Amino acid sequence: MAIVLYGHIIENAYGVLGIEFMAAAQALDIRDFMPGRGSHRALEAIREHVDRSLYPDHNVMMALVKSKRDVGRSGEGGGRVELMQGNKQK
């Protein structure tokens, strides 16, 4: 059982690192300077696989968070899952 949990933790960590690398690539894209060789190689490697900006997705998520809408149900018979803490269910 613990090994399954460990596998989920590792998988989630890869996902978080992927998001961080995409954000770093976007930051390098919008900066007006030439990054070092290592950063430039990393940017090229990322752009071989991901060739778009996070900006449109960021704006969509920002609007969703600002709207304070619930995003569905947590499961069978579960309560609403809300994006912002402190929102009271009606």
C-alpha atoms as a PDB file:
ATOM      1  CA  MET A   1       0.000   0.000   0.000  1.00  0.00           C
ATOM      2  CA  ALA A   2       2.787   2.446   0.887  1.00  0.00           C
ATOM      3  CA  ILE A   3       4.501   1.810  -2.444  1.00  0.00           C
ATOM      4  CA  VAL A   4       1.328   2.823  -4.310  1.00  0.00           C
ATOM      5  CA  LEU A   5       1.147   6.042  -2.308  1.00  0.00           C
ATOM      6  CA  TYR A   6       4.827   6.677  -3.010  1.00  0.00           C
ATOM      7  CA  GLY A   7       4.169   6.231  -6.733  1.00  0.00           C
ATOM      8  CA  HIS A   8       1.352   8.812  -6.608  1.00  0.00           C
ATOM      9  CA  ILE A   9       3.569  11.268  -4.762  1.00  0.00           C
ATOM     10  CA  ILE A  10       6.359  10.889  -7.319  1.00  0.00           C
ATOM     11  CA  GLU A  11       3.900  11.254 -10.214  1.00  0.00           C
ATOM     12  CA  ASN A  12       2.455  14.434  -8.696  1.00  0.00           C
ATOM     13  CA  ALA A  13       5.960  15.818  -8.147  1.00  0.00           C
ATOM     14  CA  TYR A  14       6.736  15.295 -11.852  1.00  0.00           C
ATOM     15  CA  GLY A  15       3.580  17.217 -12.700  1.00  0.00           C
ATOM     16  CA  VAL A  16       4.513  20.107 -10.416  1.00  0.00           C
ATOM     17  CA  LEU A  17       8.041  20.229 -11.858  1.00  0.00           C
ATOM     18  CA  GLY A  18       6.616  20.240 -15.377  1.00  0.00           C
ATOM     19  CA  ILE A  19       4.465  23.259 -14.553  1.00  0.00           C
ATOM     20  CA  GLU A  20       7.449  25.018 -12.957  1.00  0.00           C
ATOM     21  CA  PHE A  21       9.617  24.387 -16.040  1.00  0.00           C
ATOM     22  CA  MET A  22       6.893  25.739 -18.344  1.00  0.00           C
ATOM     23  CA  ALA A  23       6.570  28.858 -16.192  1.00  0.00           C
ATOM     24  CA  ALA A  24      10.351  29.318 -16.173  1.00  0.00           C
ATOM     25  CA  ALA A  25      10.451  28.958 -19.966  1.00  0.00           C
ATOM     26  CA  GLN A  26       7.776  31.587 -20.333  1.00  0.00           C
ATOM     27  CA  ALA A  27       9.690  33.916 -18.007  1.00  0.00           C
ATOM     28  CA  LEU A  28      12.809  33.475 -20.148  1.00  0.00           C
ATOM     29  CA  ASP A  29      10.763  34.141 -23.293  1.00  0.00           C
ATOM     30  CA  ILE A  30       9.501  37.494 -22.071  1.00  0.00           C
ATOM     31  CA  ARG A  31      12.736  38.766 -20.519  1.00  0.00           C
ATOM     32  CA  ASP A  32      14.855  41.088 -22.646  1.00  0.00           C
ATOM     33  CA  PHE A  33      18.211  39.417 -22.102  1.00  0.00           C
ATOM     34  CA  MET A  34      20.200  36.415 -23.277  1.00  0.00           C
ATOM     35  CA  PRO A  35      20.156  33.598 -20.711  1.00  0.00           C
ATOM     36  CA  GLY A  36      23.264  31.586 -19.916  1.00  0.00           C
ATOM     37  CA  ARG A  37      24.161  28.506 -21.966  1.00  0.00           C
ATOM     38  CA  GLY A  38      22.557  26.035 -19.559  1.00  0.00           C
ATOM     39  CA  SER A  39      19.330  28.006 -19.270  1.00  0.00           C
ATOM     40  CA  HIS A  40      19.241  28.509 -23.024  1.00  0.00           C
ATOM     41  CA  ARG A  41      19.653  24.751 -23.648  1.00  0.00           C
ATOM     42  CA  ALA A  42      16.906  24.008 -21.127  1.00  0.00           C
ATOM     43  CA  LEU A  43      14.625  26.552 -22.839  1.00  0.00           C
ATOM     44  CA  GLU A  44      15.291  24.962 -26.234  1.00  0.00           C
ATOM     45  CA  ALA A  45      14.530  21.484 -24.854  1.00  0.00           C
ATOM     46  CA  ILE A  46      11.263  22.683 -23.327  1.00  0.00           C
ATOM     47  CA  ARG A  47      10.244  24.517 -26.509  1.00  0.00           C
ATOM     48  CA  GLU A  48      10.820  21.341 -28.555  1.00  0.00           C
ATOM     49  CA  HIS A  49       7.851  19.855 -26.690  1.00  0.00           C
ATOM     50  CA  VAL A  50       5.804  22.809 -25.446  1.00  0.00           C
ATOM     51  CA  ASP A  51       5.574  25.682 -27.877  1.00  0.00           C
ATOM     52  CA  ARG A  52       2.898  27.894 -26.407  1.00  0.00           C
ATOM     53  CA  SER A  53       2.578  30.389 -23.629  1.00  0.00           C
ATOM     54  CA  LEU A  54       0.798  29.727 -20.359  1.00  0.00           C
ATOM     55  CA  TYR A  55      -0.671  33.215 -20.526  1.00  0.00           C
ATOM     56  CA  PRO A  56      -4.100  32.252 -22.015  1.00  0.00           C
ATOM     57  CA  ASP A  57      -4.556  29.398 -19.521  1.00  0.00           C
ATOM     58  CA  HIS A  58      -3.387  31.640 -16.689  1.00  0.00           C
ATOM     59  CA  ASN A  59      -6.004  34.254 -17.562  1.00  0.00           C
ATOM     60  CA  VAL A  60      -8.778  31.666 -17.703  1.00  0.00           C
ATOM     61  CA  MET A  61      -7.807  30.254 -14.298  1.00  0.00           C
ATOM     62  CA  MET A  62      -7.436  33.719 -12.784  1.00  0.00           C
ATOM     63  CA  ALA A  63     -10.966  34.596 -13.896  1.00  0.00           C
ATOM     64  CA  LEU A  64     -12.284  31.293 -12.539  1.00  0.00           C
ATOM     65  CA  VAL A  65     -10.644  31.884  -9.164  1.00  0.00           C
ATOM     66  CA  LYS A  66     -11.920  35.466  -9.067  1.00  0.00           C
ATOM     67  CA  SER A  67     -15.450  34.262  -9.813  1.00  0.00           C
ATOM     68  CA  LYS A  68     -15.345  32.127  -6.640  1.00  0.00           C
ATOM     69  CA  ARG A  69     -17.469  29.528  -8.406  1.00  0.00           C
ATOM     70  CA  ASP A  70     -17.570  25.989  -7.154  1.00  0.00           C
ATOM     71  CA  VAL A  71     -15.919  23.536  -9.522  1.00  0.00           C
ATOM     72  CA  GLY A  72     -18.090  20.488  -9.047  1.00  0.00           C
ATOM     73  CA  ARG A  73     -18.687  17.853  -6.455  1.00  0.00           C
ATOM     74  CA  SER A  74     -16.062  16.019  -4.442  1.00  0.00           C
ATOM     75  CA  GLY A  75     -17.729  12.668  -5.065  1.00  0.00           C
ATOM     76  CA  GLU A  76     -20.901  10.700  -4.498  1.00  0.00           C
ATOM     77  CA  GLY A  77     -22.828  12.544  -1.832  1.00  0.00           C
ATOM     78  CA  GLY A  78     -19.923  14.909  -1.220  1.00  0.00           C
ATOM     79  CA  GLY A  79     -20.117  18.627  -0.721  1.00  0.00           C
ATOM     80  CA  ARG A  80     -19.180  21.298  -3.206  1.00  0.00           C
ATOM     81  CA  VAL A  81     -15.526  21.886  -3.929  1.00  0.00           C
ATOM     82  CA  GLU A  82     -14.902  25.611  -3.911  1.00  0.00           C
ATOM     83  CA  LEU A  83     -11.884  27.430  -5.235  1.00  0.00           C
ATOM     84  CA  MET A  84     -11.708  30.040  -2.501  1.00  0.00           C
ATOM     85  CA  GLN A  85     -11.675  29.134   1.168  1.00  0.00           C
ATOM     86  CA  GLY A  86     -14.173  30.955   3.269  1.00  0.00           C
ATOM     87  CA  ASN A  87     -17.038  30.684   0.784  1.00  0.00           C
ATOM     88  CA  LYS A  88     -20.036  29.377   2.653  1.00  0.00           C
ATOM     89  CA  GLN A  89     -22.302  26.818   1.047  1.00  0.00           C
ATOM     90  CA  LYS A  90     -25.839  28.039   0.567  1.00  0.00           C
END
